PDB file of N, CA and C in Angstrom:
ATOM      1  N   MET A   1     223.410 163.495 191.318  1.00  0.00           N
ATOM      2  CA  MET A   1     223.025 163.453 190.001  1.00  0.00           C
ATOM      3  C   MET A   1     222.182 162.417 189.699  1.00  0.00           C
ATOM      4  N   LYS A   2     222.690 160.996 190.231  1.00  0.00           N
ATOM      5  CA  LYS A   2     221.628 159.888 189.698  1.00  0.00           C
ATOM      6  C   LYS A   2     220.370 159.908 190.455  1.00  0.00           C
ATOM      7  N   TYR A   3     220.180 160.478 191.634  1.00  0.00           N
ATOM      8  CA  TYR A   3     218.977 160.663 192.262  1.00  0.00           C
ATOM      9  C   TYR A   3     217.990 161.370 191.499  1.00  0.00           C
ATOM     10  N   TYR A   4     218.380 162.543 191.222  1.00  0.00           N
ATOM     11  CA  TYR A   4     217.590 163.463 190.126  1.00  0.00           C
ATOM     12  C   TYR A   4     217.154 162.541 188.873  1.00  0.00           C
ATOM     13  N   LEU A   5     218.086 161.950 188.233  1.00  0.00           N
ATOM     14  CA  LEU A   5     217.697 161.288 186.990  1.00  0.00           C
ATOM     15  C   LEU A   5     216.561 160.117 187.198  1.00  0.00           C
ATOM     16  N   ARG A   6     216.831 159.631 188.544  1.00  0.00           N
ATOM     17  CA  ARG A   6     215.658 158.461 188.885  1.00  0.00           C
ATOM     18  C   ARG A   6     214.368 159.234 189.025  1.00  0.00           C
ATOM     19  N   GLY A   7     214.217 160.809 189.189  1.00  0.00           N
ATOM     20  CA  GLY A   7     212.882 161.443 189.452  1.00  0.00           C
ATOM     21  C   GLY A   7     212.921 161.945 190.812  1.00  0.00           C
ATOM     22  N   GLU A   8     213.733 162.009 191.457  1.00  0.00           N
ATOM     23  CA  GLU A   8     213.849 162.692 192.791  1.00  0.00           C
ATOM     24  C   GLU A   8     214.275 163.895 192.746  1.00  0.00           C
ATOM     25  N   GLN A   9     213.668 164.928 193.383  1.00  0.00           N
ATOM     26  CA  GLN A   9     213.967 166.292 193.238  1.00  0.00           C
ATOM     27  C   GLN A   9     215.070 166.791 194.600  1.00  0.00           C
ATOM     28  N   PRO A  10     216.059 167.532 194.132  1.00  0.00           N
ATOM     29  CA  PRO A  10     217.253 167.693 195.289  1.00  0.00           C
ATOM     30  C   PRO A  10     216.351 168.581 196.260  1.00  0.00           C
ATOM     31  N   ALA A  11     216.554 168.407 197.487  1.00  0.00           N
ATOM     32  CA  ALA A  11     215.927 169.322 198.279  1.00  0.00           C
ATOM     33  C   ALA A  11     216.744 170.580 198.830  1.00  0.00           C
ATOM     34  N   ASP A  12     217.941 170.804 198.567  1.00  0.00           N
ATOM     35  CA  ASP A  12     218.715 171.794 199.053  1.00  0.00           C
ATOM     36  C   ASP A  12     219.253 172.596 197.753  1.00  0.00           C
ATOM     37  N   VAL A  13     218.421 172.871 196.782  1.00  0.00           N
ATOM     38  CA  VAL A  13     219.018 173.679 195.531  1.00  0.00           C
ATOM     39  C   VAL A  13     218.877 175.150 195.859  1.00  0.00           C
ATOM     40  N   PRO A  14     220.071 175.800 195.671  1.00  0.00           N
ATOM     41  CA  PRO A  14     220.077 177.319 195.789  1.00  0.00           C
ATOM     42  C   PRO A  14     218.857 177.997 194.995  1.00  0.00           C
ATOM     43  N   PRO A  15     218.471 179.163 195.352  1.00  0.00           N
ATOM     44  CA  PRO A  15     217.354 179.482 194.491  1.00  0.00           C
ATOM     45  C   PRO A  15     217.728 179.873 192.936  1.00  0.00           C
ATOM     46  N   GLN A  16     218.891 180.502 192.960  1.00  0.00           N
ATOM     47  CA  GLN A  16     219.474 180.655 191.567  1.00  0.00           C
ATOM     48  C   GLN A  16     219.462 179.577 190.750  1.00  0.00           C
ATOM     49  N   LEU A  17     219.596 178.546 191.424  1.00  0.00           N
ATOM     50  CA  LEU A  17     219.568 177.327 190.541  1.00  0.00           C
ATOM     51  C   LEU A  17     218.381 176.407 190.252  1.00  0.00           C
ATOM     52  N   ALA A  18     217.387 176.951 190.907  1.00  0.00           N
ATOM     53  CA  ALA A  18     216.253 176.111 190.993  1.00  0.00           C
ATOM     54  C   ALA A  18     215.611 175.896 189.471  1.00  0.00           C
ATOM     55  N   MET A  19     215.919 176.754 188.659  1.00  0.00           N
ATOM     56  CA  MET A  19     215.164 176.710 187.307  1.00  0.00           C
ATOM     57  C   MET A  19     215.949 175.756 186.474  1.00  0.00           C
ATOM     58  N   LEU A  20     216.941 175.177 186.874  1.00  0.00           N
ATOM     59  CA  LEU A  20     217.537 174.111 186.239  1.00  0.00           C
ATOM     60  C   LEU A  20     217.067 172.709 186.536  1.00  0.00           C
ATOM     61  N   PHE A  21     216.303 172.790 187.700  1.00  0.00           N
ATOM     62  CA  PHE A  21     215.698 171.428 188.164  1.00  0.00           C
ATOM     63  C   PHE A  21     214.198 171.229 187.703  1.00  0.00           C
ATOM     64  N   VAL A  22     213.660 171.959 186.702  1.00  0.00           N
ATOM     65  CA  VAL A  22     212.554 171.762 186.037  1.00  0.00           C
ATOM     66  C   VAL A  22     212.012 170.618 185.307  1.00  0.00           C
ATOM     67  N   PRO A  23     210.984 170.042 185.391  1.00  0.00           N
ATOM     68  CA  PRO A  23     210.735 168.678 184.985  1.00  0.00           C
ATOM     69  C   PRO A  23     211.167 168.386 183.229  1.00  0.00           C
ATOM     70  N   VAL A  24     211.026 169.260 182.671  1.00  0.00           N
ATOM     71  CA  VAL A  24     211.804 169.081 181.264  1.00  0.00           C
ATOM     72  C   VAL A  24     212.803 169.020 181.345  1.00  0.00           C
ATOM     73  N   ASN A  25     213.975 169.558 182.011  1.00  0.00           N
ATOM     74  CA  ASN A  25     215.192 169.355 182.049  1.00  0.00           C
ATOM     75  C   ASN A  25     215.624 167.982 182.589  1.00  0.00           C
ATOM     76  N   GLN A  26     214.977 167.418 183.483  1.00  0.00           N
ATOM     77  CA  GLN A  26     215.242 166.117 183.905  1.00  0.00           C
ATOM     78  C   GLN A  26     214.752 165.077 182.746  1.00  0.00           C
ATOM     79  N   THR A  27     213.692 165.362 181.909  1.00  0.00           N
ATOM     80  CA  THR A  27     213.694 164.588 180.829  1.00  0.00           C
ATOM     81  C   THR A  27     214.807 164.574 179.960  1.00  0.00           C
ATOM     82  N   PHE A  28     215.285 165.715 179.540  1.00  0.00           N
ATOM     83  CA  PHE A  28     216.431 165.792 178.865  1.00  0.00           C
ATOM     84  C   PHE A  28     217.818 165.235 179.380  1.00  0.00           C
ATOM     85  N   LEU A  29     217.817 165.429 180.658  1.00  0.00           N
ATOM     86  CA  LEU A  29     219.222 164.899 181.019  1.00  0.00           C
ATOM     87  C   LEU A  29     218.989 163.344 181.211  1.00  0.00           C
ATOM     88  N   ARG A  30     217.907 162.853 181.319  1.00  0.00           N
ATOM     89  CA  ARG A  30     217.803 161.407 181.174  1.00  0.00           C
ATOM     90  C   ARG A  30     218.128 160.913 179.909  1.00  0.00           C
ATOM     91  N   SER A  31     217.562 161.229 178.758  1.00  0.00           N
ATOM     92  CA  SER A  31     217.790 161.080 177.542  1.00  0.00           C
ATOM     93  C   SER A  31     219.368 161.241 177.294  1.00  0.00           C
ATOM     94  N   LEU A  32     219.934 162.293 177.684  1.00  0.00           N
ATOM     95  CA  LEU A  32     221.396 162.752 177.638  1.00  0.00           C
ATOM     96  C   LEU A  32     222.350 161.475 178.210  1.00  0.00           C
ATOM     97  N   ALA A  33     221.754 161.056 179.476  1.00  0.00           N
ATOM     98  CA  ALA A  33     222.543 160.214 180.246  1.00  0.00           C
ATOM     99  C   ALA A  33     222.711 158.734 179.488  1.00  0.00           C
ATOM    100  N   ALA A  34     221.516 158.488 178.699  1.00  0.00           N
ATOM    101  CA  ALA A  34     221.384 157.150 178.071  1.00  0.00           C
ATOM    102  C   ALA A  34     221.952 157.230 176.842  1.00  0.00           C
ATOM    103  N   PHE A  35     222.375 158.347 176.137  1.00  0.00           N
ATOM    104  CA  PHE A  35     223.013 158.578 174.930  1.00  0.00           C
ATOM    105  C   PHE A  35     224.260 157.822 174.788  1.00  0.00           C
ATOM    106  N   ASP A  36     224.581 157.273 173.691  1.00  0.00           N
ATOM    107  CA  ASP A  36     226.144 156.282 173.511  1.00  0.00           C
ATOM    108  C   ASP A  36     226.500 156.825 172.245  1.00  0.00           C
ATOM    109  N   PRO A  37     227.512 157.882 172.472  1.00  0.00           N
ATOM    110  CA  PRO A  37     227.860 158.484 171.160  1.00  0.00           C
ATOM    111  C   PRO A  37     228.908 157.467 170.543  1.00  0.00           C
ATOM    112  N   PRO A  38     229.579 156.577 170.807  1.00  0.00           N
ATOM    113  CA  PRO A  38     230.283 155.728 170.192  1.00  0.00           C
ATOM    114  C   PRO A  38     229.307 154.811 169.350  1.00  0.00           C
ATOM    115  N   ALA A  39     228.272 154.397 169.861  1.00  0.00           N
ATOM    116  CA  ALA A  39     227.344 153.591 168.881  1.00  0.00           C
ATOM    117  C   ALA A  39     226.629 154.464 167.878  1.00  0.00           C
ATOM    118  N   ALA A  40     226.209 155.580 168.527  1.00  0.00           N
ATOM    119  CA  ALA A  40     225.757 156.565 167.252  1.00  0.00           C
ATOM    120  C   ALA A  40     226.543 156.704 166.014  1.00  0.00           C
ATOM    121  N   ILE A  41     227.861 157.006 166.421  1.00  0.00           N
ATOM    122  CA  ILE A  41     228.730 157.399 165.394  1.00  0.00           C
ATOM    123  C   ILE A  41     229.055 156.138 164.346  1.00  0.00           C
ATOM    124  N   ARG A  42     228.999 154.830 165.125  1.00  0.00           N
ATOM    125  CA  ARG A  42     229.105 153.676 164.080  1.00  0.00           C
ATOM    126  C   ARG A  42     227.890 153.505 162.923  1.00  0.00           C
ATOM    127  N   ALA A  43     226.879 154.041 163.572  1.00  0.00           N
ATOM    128  CA  ALA A  43     225.388 153.866 162.585  1.00  0.00           C
ATOM    129  C   ALA A  43     225.708 155.024 161.440  1.00  0.00           C
ATOM    130  N   VAL A  44     226.483 156.204 161.629  1.00  0.00           N
ATOM    131  CA  VAL A  44     226.622 156.838 160.360  1.00  0.00           C
ATOM    132  C   VAL A  44     227.401 156.345 159.288  1.00  0.00           C
ATOM    133  N   ARG A  45     226.745 156.318 158.123  1.00  0.00           N
ATOM    134  CA  ARG A  45     227.344 155.696 156.851  1.00  0.00           C
ATOM    135  C   ARG A  45     227.814 156.751 156.014  1.00  0.00           C
ATOM    136  N   SER A  46     227.917 158.049 156.550  1.00  0.00           N
ATOM    137  CA  SER A  46     228.667 159.063 155.699  1.00  0.00           C
ATOM    138  C   SER A  46     230.211 159.284 156.185  1.00  0.00           C
ATOM    139  N   PRO A  47     231.110 160.064 155.514  1.00  0.00           N
ATOM    140  CA  PRO A  47     232.359 160.265 156.099  1.00  0.00           C
ATOM    141  C   PRO A  47     232.345 161.476 157.144  1.00  0.00           C
ATOM    142  N   ILE A  48     233.060 160.970 158.155  1.00  0.00           N
ATOM    143  CA  ILE A  48     233.157 161.700 159.552  1.00  0.00           C
ATOM    144  C   ILE A  48     234.374 162.504 159.438  1.00  0.00           C
ATOM    145  N   LEU A  49     234.215 163.552 160.060  1.00  0.00           N
ATOM    146  CA  LEU A  49     235.456 164.481 160.473  1.00  0.00           C
ATOM    147  C   LEU A  49     235.024 164.708 161.982  1.00  0.00           C
ATOM    148  N   ILE A  50     236.186 164.260 162.899  1.00  0.00           N
ATOM    149  CA  ILE A  50     236.116 164.712 164.416  1.00  0.00           C
ATOM    150  C   ILE A  50     237.096 165.807 164.634  1.00  0.00           C
ATOM    151  N   VAL A  51     236.637 166.783 164.889  1.00  0.00           N
ATOM    152  CA  VAL A  51     237.684 168.004 165.281  1.00  0.00           C
ATOM    153  C   VAL A  51     237.501 168.189 166.865  1.00  0.00           C
ATOM    154  N   GLN A  52     238.447 167.894 167.388  1.00  0.00           N
ATOM    155  CA  GLN A  52     238.690 167.996 168.760  1.00  0.00           C
ATOM    156  C   GLN A  52     239.539 169.252 169.388  1.00  0.00           C
ATOM    157  N   GLY A  53     239.349 170.280 169.904  1.00  0.00           N
ATOM    158  CA  GLY A  53     239.998 171.036 170.785  1.00  0.00           C
ATOM    159  C   GLY A  53     240.609 170.695 171.985  1.00  0.00           C
ATOM    160  N   GLU A  54     242.032 170.643 172.291  1.00  0.00           N
ATOM    161  CA  GLU A  54     242.892 170.340 173.141  1.00  0.00           C
ATOM    162  C   GLU A  54     242.176 170.949 174.812  1.00  0.00           C
ATOM    163  N   THR A  55     241.735 172.174 174.577  1.00  0.00           N
ATOM    164  CA  THR A  55     241.322 172.845 175.843  1.00  0.00           C
ATOM    165  C   THR A  55     239.804 172.679 175.881  1.00  0.00           C
ATOM    166  N   ASP A  56     239.309 172.012 175.009  1.00  0.00           N
ATOM    167  CA  ASP A  56     237.622 171.863 175.440  1.00  0.00           C
ATOM    168  C   ASP A  56     237.204 171.450 176.475  1.00  0.00           C
ATOM    169  N   LEU A  57     236.552 172.028 176.989  1.00  0.00           N
ATOM    170  CA  LEU A  57     235.736 171.649 178.680  1.00  0.00           C
ATOM    171  C   LEU A  57     234.685 170.897 178.607  1.00  0.00           C
ATOM    172  N   GLN A  58     234.044 170.543 177.495  1.00  0.00           N
ATOM    173  CA  GLN A  58     232.920 169.838 177.456  1.00  0.00           C
ATOM    174  C   GLN A  58     232.912 168.635 176.864  1.00  0.00           C
ATOM    175  N   ALA A  59     233.986 168.441 175.793  1.00  0.00           N
ATOM    176  CA  ALA A  59     234.115 167.373 175.315  1.00  0.00           C
ATOM    177  C   ALA A  59     235.662 166.856 175.275  1.00  0.00           C
ATOM    178  N   THR A  60     235.974 166.088 175.903  1.00  0.00           N
ATOM    179  CA  THR A  60     237.470 165.644 176.204  1.00  0.00           C
ATOM    180  C   THR A  60     238.358 165.159 174.934  1.00  0.00           C
ATOM    181  N   VAL A  61     239.612 165.095 175.187  1.00  0.00           N
ATOM    182  CA  VAL A  61     240.374 164.286 173.988  1.00  0.00           C
ATOM    183  C   VAL A  61     240.207 162.795 174.098  1.00  0.00           C
ATOM    184  N   ALA A  62     239.989 162.434 175.441  1.00  0.00           N
ATOM    185  CA  ALA A  62     239.410 161.057 175.622  1.00  0.00           C
ATOM    186  C   ALA A  62     238.119 160.689 174.771  1.00  0.00           C
ATOM    187  N   ASP A  63     237.169 161.611 174.630  1.00  0.00           N
ATOM    188  CA  ASP A  63     236.026 161.670 174.264  1.00  0.00           C
ATOM    189  C   ASP A  63     236.049 161.297 172.377  1.00  0.00           C
ATOM    190  N   ALA A  64     237.015 162.346 172.234  1.00  0.00           N
ATOM    191  CA  ALA A  64     237.196 162.186 170.498  1.00  0.00           C
ATOM    192  C   ALA A  64     237.856 160.920 170.192  1.00  0.00           C
ATOM    193  N   GLU A  65     238.927 160.590 171.450  1.00  0.00           N
ATOM    194  CA  GLU A  65     239.519 159.282 170.717  1.00  0.00           C
ATOM    195  C   GLU A  65     238.561 157.929 170.966  1.00  0.00           C
ATOM    196  N   ARG A  66     237.339 158.163 171.676  1.00  0.00           N
ATOM    197  CA  ARG A  66     236.521 156.927 171.911  1.00  0.00           C
ATOM    198  C   ARG A  66     235.787 156.987 170.527  1.00  0.00           C
ATOM    199  N   LEU A  67     235.478 158.058 169.959  1.00  0.00           N
ATOM    200  CA  LEU A  67     234.528 157.858 168.768  1.00  0.00           C
ATOM    201  C   LEU A  67     235.400 157.689 167.344  1.00  0.00           C
ATOM    202  N   HIS A  68     236.669 158.156 167.548  1.00  0.00           N
ATOM    203  CA  HIS A  68     237.305 157.605 166.482  1.00  0.00           C
ATOM    204  C   HIS A  68     237.913 156.153 166.695  1.00  0.00           C
ATOM    205  N   ALA A  69     237.733 155.612 167.751  1.00  0.00           N
ATOM    206  CA  ALA A  69     238.007 154.039 167.890  1.00  0.00           C
ATOM    207  C   ALA A  69     236.714 153.272 167.521  1.00  0.00           C
ATOM    208  N   ALA A  70     235.582 154.107 167.663  1.00  0.00           N
ATOM    209  CA  ALA A  70     234.248 153.448 166.955  1.00  0.00           C
ATOM    210  C   ALA A  70     234.332 153.581 165.707  1.00  0.00           C
ATOM    211  N   ARG A  71     234.909 154.626 165.242  1.00  0.00           N
ATOM    212  CA  ARG A  71     235.011 154.637 163.385  1.00  0.00           C
ATOM    213  C   ARG A  71     236.362 155.181 163.082  1.00  0.00           C
ATOM    214  N   PRO A  72     237.106 154.098 163.072  1.00  0.00           N
ATOM    215  CA  PRO A  72     238.501 154.210 162.754  1.00  0.00           C
ATOM    216  C   PRO A  72     238.780 155.094 161.371  1.00  0.00           C
ATOM    217  N   ASP A  73     237.722 154.712 160.419  1.00  0.00           N
ATOM    218  CA  ASP A  73     238.008 155.464 159.078  1.00  0.00           C
ATOM    219  C   ASP A  73     237.768 156.924 159.118  1.00  0.00           C
ATOM    220  N   ALA A  74     237.111 157.444 160.138  1.00  0.00           N
ATOM    221  CA  ALA A  74     236.829 159.024 160.527  1.00  0.00           C
ATOM    222  C   ALA A  74     238.145 159.486 160.643  1.00  0.00           C
ATOM    223  N   ARG A  75     238.127 160.823 160.179  1.00  0.00           N
ATOM    224  CA  ARG A  75     239.412 161.817 160.081  1.00  0.00           C
ATOM    225  C   ARG A  75     239.438 162.577 161.717  1.00  0.00           C
ATOM    226  N   LEU A  76     240.399 162.263 162.349  1.00  0.00           N
ATOM    227  CA  LEU A  76     240.555 162.620 163.558  1.00  0.00           C
ATOM    228  C   LEU A  76     241.620 163.950 163.694  1.00  0.00           C
ATOM    229  N   VAL A  77     241.096 165.359 164.036  1.00  0.00           N
ATOM    230  CA  VAL A  77     242.068 166.270 163.917  1.00  0.00           C
ATOM    231  C   VAL A  77     241.988 166.833 165.345  1.00  0.00           C
ATOM    232  N   MET A  78     243.228 166.748 166.110  1.00  0.00           N
ATOM    233  CA  MET A  78     243.236 167.500 167.329  1.00  0.00           C
ATOM    234  C   MET A  78     244.146 168.867 167.096  1.00  0.00           C
ATOM    235  N   ILE A  79     243.328 169.844 167.975  1.00  0.00           N
ATOM    236  CA  ILE A  79     243.955 171.499 167.909  1.00  0.00           C
ATOM    237  C   ILE A  79     244.510 171.686 169.426  1.00  0.00           C
ATOM    238  N   ALA A  80     245.564 172.358 169.390  1.00  0.00           N
ATOM    239  CA  ALA A  80     246.135 172.682 170.345  1.00  0.00           C
ATOM    240  C   ALA A  80     245.314 173.982 170.633  1.00  0.00           C
ATOM    241  N   GLU A  81     245.225 173.997 172.079  1.00  0.00           N
ATOM    242  CA  GLU A  81     244.755 175.506 172.655  1.00  0.00           C
ATOM    243  C   GLU A  81     243.439 175.930 171.840  1.00  0.00           C
ATOM    244  N   VAL A  82     242.582 174.972 171.626  1.00  0.00           N
ATOM    245  CA  VAL A  82     241.137 175.353 170.962  1.00  0.00           C
ATOM    246  C   VAL A  82     240.183 174.718 172.108  1.00  0.00           C
ATOM    247  N   ASN A  83     239.169 175.470 172.129  1.00  0.00           N
ATOM    248  CA  ASN A  83     237.837 174.941 173.074  1.00  0.00           C
ATOM    249  C   ASN A  83     236.687 174.217 172.220  1.00  0.00           C
ATOM    250  N   HIS A  84     235.766 174.303 172.921  1.00  0.00           N
ATOM    251  CA  HIS A  84     234.395 173.630 172.210  1.00  0.00           C
ATOM    252  C   HIS A  84     233.785 174.261 171.151  1.00  0.00           C
ATOM    253  N   VAL A  85     233.947 175.565 171.222  1.00  0.00           N
ATOM    254  CA  VAL A  85     233.506 176.423 169.854  1.00  0.00           C
ATOM    255  C   VAL A  85     234.496 177.007 169.083  1.00  0.00           C
ATOM    256  N   LEU A  86     235.877 176.210 169.230  1.00  0.00           N
ATOM    257  CA  LEU A  86     236.474 175.971 168.041  1.00  0.00           C
ATOM    258  C   LEU A  86     237.376 177.547 167.862  1.00  0.00           C
ATOM    259  N   LYS A  87     237.689 178.128 169.202  1.00  0.00           N
ATOM    260  CA  LYS A  87     238.163 179.341 169.242  1.00  0.00           C
ATOM    261  C   LYS A  87     239.637 179.117 170.041  1.00  0.00           C
ATOM    262  N   HIS A  88     240.405 180.022 170.004  1.00  0.00           N
ATOM    263  CA  HIS A  88     241.691 179.657 170.508  1.00  0.00           C
ATOM    264  C   HIS A  88     241.679 180.130 172.026  1.00  0.00           C
ATOM    265  N   VAL A  89     242.076 179.293 172.846  1.00  0.00           N
ATOM    266  CA  VAL A  89     241.962 179.669 174.412  1.00  0.00           C
ATOM    267  C   VAL A  89     242.921 178.741 174.954  1.00  0.00           C
ATOM    268  N   ALA A  90     244.047 179.303 175.698  1.00  0.00           N
ATOM    269  CA  ALA A  90     244.947 178.452 176.414  1.00  0.00           C
ATOM    270  C   ALA A  90     244.351 177.866 177.892  1.00  0.00           C
ATOM    271  N   ASP A  91     243.636 178.753 178.449  1.00  0.00           N
ATOM    272  CA  ASP A  91     242.987 178.655 179.668  1.00  0.00           C
ATOM    273  C   ASP A  91     242.147 177.329 179.588  1.00  0.00           C
ATOM    274  N   ARG A  92     242.218 176.730 180.619  1.00  0.00           N
ATOM    275  CA  ARG A  92     241.443 175.552 180.836  1.00  0.00           C
ATOM    276  C   ARG A  92     240.394 175.719 181.904  1.00  0.00           C
ATOM    277  N   THR A  93     239.963 177.048 182.341  1.00  0.00           N
ATOM    278  CA  THR A  93     238.898 176.964 183.163  1.00  0.00           C
ATOM    279  C   THR A  93     237.763 177.746 182.313  1.00  0.00           C
ATOM    280  N   MET A  94     236.589 177.495 183.019  1.00  0.00           N
ATOM    281  CA  MET A  94     235.514 177.934 182.376  1.00  0.00           C
ATOM    282  C   MET A  94     235.518 179.509 182.414  1.00  0.00           C
ATOM    283  N   ALA A  95     235.966 179.800 183.416  1.00  0.00           N
ATOM    284  CA  ALA A  95     235.828 181.412 183.359  1.00  0.00           C
ATOM    285  C   ALA A  95     236.936 182.074 182.738  1.00  0.00           C
ATOM    286  N   GLY A  96     237.959 181.490 182.309  1.00  0.00           N
ATOM    287  CA  GLY A  96     238.965 182.055 181.252  1.00  0.00           C
ATOM    288  C   GLY A  96     238.420 181.669 179.968  1.00  0.00           C
ATOM    289  N   GLN A  97     237.383 181.155 179.794  1.00  0.00           N
ATOM    290  CA  GLN A  97     237.052 180.766 178.405  1.00  0.00           C
ATOM    291  C   GLN A  97     235.744 181.394 177.990  1.00  0.00           C
ATOM    292  N   MET A  98     235.123 181.875 179.110  1.00  0.00           N
ATOM    293  CA  MET A  98     233.654 182.544 178.879  1.00  0.00           C
ATOM    294  C   MET A  98     233.604 183.439 177.780  1.00  0.00           C
ATOM    295  N   ARG A  99     234.739 184.365 177.590  1.00  0.00           N
ATOM    296  CA  ARG A  99     234.562 185.333 176.712  1.00  0.00           C
ATOM    297  C   ARG A  99     234.377 184.694 174.844  1.00  0.00           C
ATOM    298  N   THR A 100     235.184 183.611 174.989  1.00  0.00           N
ATOM    299  CA  THR A 100     235.043 182.920 173.804  1.00  0.00           C
ATOM    300  C   THR A 100     233.647 182.160 173.300  1.00  0.00           C
ATOM    301  N   TYR A 101     232.752 182.161 174.419  1.00  0.00           N
ATOM    302  CA  TYR A 101     231.565 181.835 174.118  1.00  0.00           C
ATOM    303  C   TYR A 101     230.438 182.963 173.854  1.00  0.00           C
ATOM    304  N   GLN A 102     231.015 183.955 174.598  1.00  0.00           N
ATOM    305  CA  GLN A 102     229.856 185.012 174.569  1.00  0.00           C
ATOM    306  C   GLN A 102     230.171 186.235 173.518  1.00  0.00           C
ATOM    307  N   ASP A 103     231.355 186.353 172.861  1.00  0.00           N
ATOM    308  CA  ASP A 103     231.627 187.542 172.001  1.00  0.00           C
ATOM    309  C   ASP A 103     231.937 186.772 170.797  1.00  0.00           C
ATOM    310  N   PRO A 104     230.981 187.080 169.745  1.00  0.00           N
ATOM    311  CA  PRO A 104     230.899 186.455 168.555  1.00  0.00           C
ATOM    312  C   PRO A 104     231.876 187.166 167.655  1.00  0.00           C
ATOM    313  N   THR A 105     232.612 187.926 168.111  1.00  0.00           N
ATOM    314  CA  THR A 105     233.870 188.682 167.489  1.00  0.00           C
ATOM    315  C   THR A 105     235.230 187.878 167.335  1.00  0.00           C
ATOM    316  N   VAL A 106     235.175 187.086 168.573  1.00  0.00           N
ATOM    317  CA  VAL A 106     236.465 186.121 168.797  1.00  0.00           C
ATOM    318  C   VAL A 106     236.244 185.063 167.605  1.00  0.00           C
ATOM    319  N   PRO A 107     237.142 185.069 166.637  1.00  0.00           N
ATOM    320  CA  PRO A 107     237.127 184.162 165.582  1.00  0.00           C
ATOM    321  C   PRO A 107     237.372 182.654 165.920  1.00  0.00           C
ATOM    322  N   ILE A 108     236.893 181.954 164.921  1.00  0.00           N
ATOM    323  CA  ILE A 108     237.099 180.507 164.890  1.00  0.00           C
ATOM    324  C   ILE A 108     238.586 180.530 164.741  1.00  0.00           C
ATOM    325  N   THR A 109     239.382 179.711 165.300  1.00  0.00           N
ATOM    326  CA  THR A 109     240.674 179.524 164.830  1.00  0.00           C
ATOM    327  C   THR A 109     241.005 179.073 163.403  1.00  0.00           C
ATOM    328  N   PRO A 110     242.005 179.408 162.756  1.00  0.00           N
ATOM    329  CA  PRO A 110     242.277 179.456 161.304  1.00  0.00           C
ATOM    330  C   PRO A 110     242.580 177.834 161.344  1.00  0.00           C
ATOM    331  N   ASP A 111     243.258 177.254 162.237  1.00  0.00           N
ATOM    332  CA  ASP A 111     243.583 175.666 162.292  1.00  0.00           C
ATOM    333  C   ASP A 111     242.217 174.972 162.113  1.00  0.00           C
ATOM    334  N   ALA A 112     241.399 175.189 162.759  1.00  0.00           N
ATOM    335  CA  ALA A 112     239.863 174.660 162.592  1.00  0.00           C
ATOM    336  C   ALA A 112     239.212 174.727 161.209  1.00  0.00           C
ATOM    337  N   VAL A 113     239.355 175.963 160.804  1.00  0.00           N
ATOM    338  CA  VAL A 113     238.728 176.323 159.470  1.00  0.00           C
ATOM    339  C   VAL A 113     239.551 175.494 158.310  1.00  0.00           C
ATOM    340  N   ALA A 114     240.614 175.467 158.585  1.00  0.00           N
ATOM    341  CA  ALA A 114     241.754 174.782 157.639  1.00  0.00           C
ATOM    342  C   ALA A 114     241.468 173.299 157.721  1.00  0.00           C
ATOM    343  N   ALA A 115     241.247 172.705 158.950  1.00  0.00           N
ATOM    344  CA  ALA A 115     241.181 171.220 159.127  1.00  0.00           C
ATOM    345  C   ALA A 115     239.500 170.942 158.189  1.00  0.00           C
ATOM    346  N   ILE A 116     238.619 171.549 158.449  1.00  0.00           N
ATOM    347  CA  ILE A 116     237.356 171.281 157.866  1.00  0.00           C
ATOM    348  C   ILE A 116     237.319 171.549 156.176  1.00  0.00           C
ATOM    349  N   ALA A 117     238.171 172.676 155.987  1.00  0.00           N
ATOM    350  CA  ALA A 117     238.181 172.842 154.532  1.00  0.00           C
ATOM    351  C   ALA A 117     238.910 171.881 153.708  1.00  0.00           C
ATOM    352  N   ASP A 118     240.136 171.532 154.381  1.00  0.00           N
ATOM    353  CA  ASP A 118     240.948 170.340 153.771  1.00  0.00           C
ATOM    354  C   ASP A 118     240.213 169.055 153.784  1.00  0.00           C
ATOM    355  N   TRP A 119     239.363 168.818 154.762  1.00  0.00           N
ATOM    356  CA  TRP A 119     238.323 167.706 154.861  1.00  0.00           C
ATOM    357  C   TRP A 119     237.308 167.592 153.800  1.00  0.00           C
ATOM    358  N   ILE A 120     236.690 168.734 153.581  1.00  0.00           N
ATOM    359  CA  ILE A 120     235.819 169.140 152.509  1.00  0.00           C
ATOM    360  C   ILE A 120     236.225 168.735 151.268  1.00  0.00           C
ATOM    361  N   GLN A 121     237.555 169.267 151.102  1.00  0.00           N
ATOM    362  CA  GLN A 121     238.288 169.322 149.556  1.00  0.00           C
ATOM    363  C   GLN A 121     238.579 167.616 149.258  1.00  0.00           C
ATOM    364  N   ALA A 122     239.192 167.147 150.257  1.00  0.00           N
ATOM    365  CA  ALA A 122     239.488 165.692 150.010  1.00  0.00           C
ATOM    366  C   ALA A 122     238.042 164.867 149.875  1.00  0.00           C
ATOM    367  N   LEU A 123     237.115 165.156 150.200  1.00  0.00           N
ATOM    368  CA  LEU A 123     235.806 164.454 149.727  1.00  0.00           C
ATOM    369  C   LEU A 123     235.679 164.569 148.309  1.00  0.00           C
ATOM    370  N   GLY A 124     235.549 166.000 147.939  1.00  0.00           N
ATOM    371  CA  GLY A 124     235.459 166.224 146.466  1.00  0.00           C
ATOM    372  C   GLY A 124     236.556 165.582 145.512  1.00  0.00           C
ATOM    373  N   ASP A 125     237.749 165.083 146.002  1.00  0.00           N
ATOM    374  CA  ASP A 125     238.823 164.363 145.314  1.00  0.00           C
ATOM    375  C   ASP A 125     238.606 163.042 144.933  1.00  0.00           C
ATOM    376  N   GLY A 126     237.286 162.590 145.956  1.00  0.00           N
ATOM    377  CA  GLY A 126     237.011 160.855 145.740  1.00  0.00           C
ATOM    378  C   GLY A 126     238.310 160.031 146.004  1.00  0.00           C
ATOM    379  N   PRO A 127     237.584 158.697 145.748  1.00  0.00           N
ATOM    380  CA  PRO A 127     238.819 157.740 146.210  1.00  0.00           C
ATOM    381  C   PRO A 127     239.915 157.526 145.096  1.00  0.00           C
TER     382      PRO A 127
END
């Protein structure tokens, strides 16, 4: 990956993955690699809610904890058996989670909805 980010094209990409290695993706991945989420969250001057699913395959519990460390005044909510799209799933494999990404009829978990609603309600209550 580091060679790709420096501008080199991989030589042995399977044909079905070739579309991922177009120049615009390389530019995007460079910007993504340079992005510093803790620095970005420190710059936010609004109240922050961090909702982390414990079976999230894209952002880890450690990622959420790093964000919270950068902004200790943020509310951090960990939800068991919830993935990146805030849907209930115990499986920790992409294959086992795919349905929750593809099927819009799979609801967002009530725990996530409640956490978001409680946070919004608390904002309205003021200090």
